[in-house]
Amino acid sequence: MSIPRTRLSTGFIGRAFAVFGAAVNASSAVENGRRPARRDLATLGIDPKAFDQI
């Protein structure tokens, strides 16, 4: 079973944009003294509970 090339590249590009957006949102929140959104931390692979201990 093969995956069509357009679907593979669209998934990869979409995921890359999601990770980049989450990184921008999280860094902006930290710079402004706020806690990043749980969704952004999860997208980046950071455990939200572990982030509270930092």
Protein backbone atom coordinates (compact mmCIF):
# COMPACT_ATOMS: atom_id res chain seq x y z
CA MET A 1 0.00 0.00 0.00
CA SER A 2 1.50 3.33 -0.99
CA ILE A 3 0.64 6.85 0.06
CA PRO A 4 0.10 9.40 -2.68
CA ARG A 5 3.00 11.87 -2.73
CA THR A 6 0.75 14.93 -2.46
CA ARG A 7 -0.84 13.64 0.73
CA LEU A 8 2.54 12.88 2.30
CA SER A 9 3.99 16.31 1.52
CA THR A 10 0.82 18.14 2.59
CA GLY A 11 0.84 16.32 5.92
CA PHE A 12 4.50 17.09 6.50
CA ILE A 13 4.16 20.74 5.55
CA GLY A 14 1.02 21.16 7.64
CA ARG A 15 2.74 19.61 10.65
CA ALA A 16 5.79 21.84 10.16
CA PHE A 17 3.59 24.96 10.16
CA ALA A 18 1.78 23.75 13.28
CA VAL A 19 5.07 23.20 15.14
CA PHE A 20 6.45 26.57 14.02
CA GLY A 21 3.26 28.35 15.08
CA ALA A 22 3.25 26.62 18.47
CA ALA A 23 6.90 27.60 19.01
CA VAL A 24 6.16 31.24 18.20
CA ASN A 25 3.13 31.29 20.51
CA ALA A 26 4.97 29.60 23.38
CA SER A 27 8.03 31.83 23.14
CA SER A 28 5.86 34.94 23.00
CA ALA A 29 3.96 33.85 26.10
CA VAL A 30 7.18 33.19 28.04
CA GLU A 31 8.67 36.54 27.00
CA ASN A 32 5.56 38.30 28.28
CA GLY A 33 5.59 36.46 31.60
CA ARG A 34 2.59 34.25 30.81
CA ARG A 35 2.23 30.49 30.76
CA PRO A 36 2.05 28.99 27.24
CA ALA A 37 -1.17 27.29 26.20
CA ARG A 38 -1.35 23.57 26.93
CA ARG A 39 -2.09 22.92 23.25
CA ASP A 40 1.10 24.68 22.16
CA LEU A 41 3.21 22.79 24.68
CA ALA A 42 1.69 19.48 23.60
CA THR A 43 2.35 20.29 19.93
CA LEU A 44 5.99 20.89 20.79
CA GLY A 45 6.19 17.60 22.71
CA ILE A 46 6.53 19.28 26.11
CA ASP A 47 4.56 17.87 29.01
CA PRO A 48 2.46 20.77 30.38
CA LYS A 49 2.87 19.48 33.94
CA ALA A 50 6.64 19.33 33.58
CA PHE A 51 6.67 22.90 32.23
CA ASP A 52 5.13 24.12 35.51
CA GLN A 53 8.22 22.88 37.38
CA ILE A 54 10.57 25.09 35.35
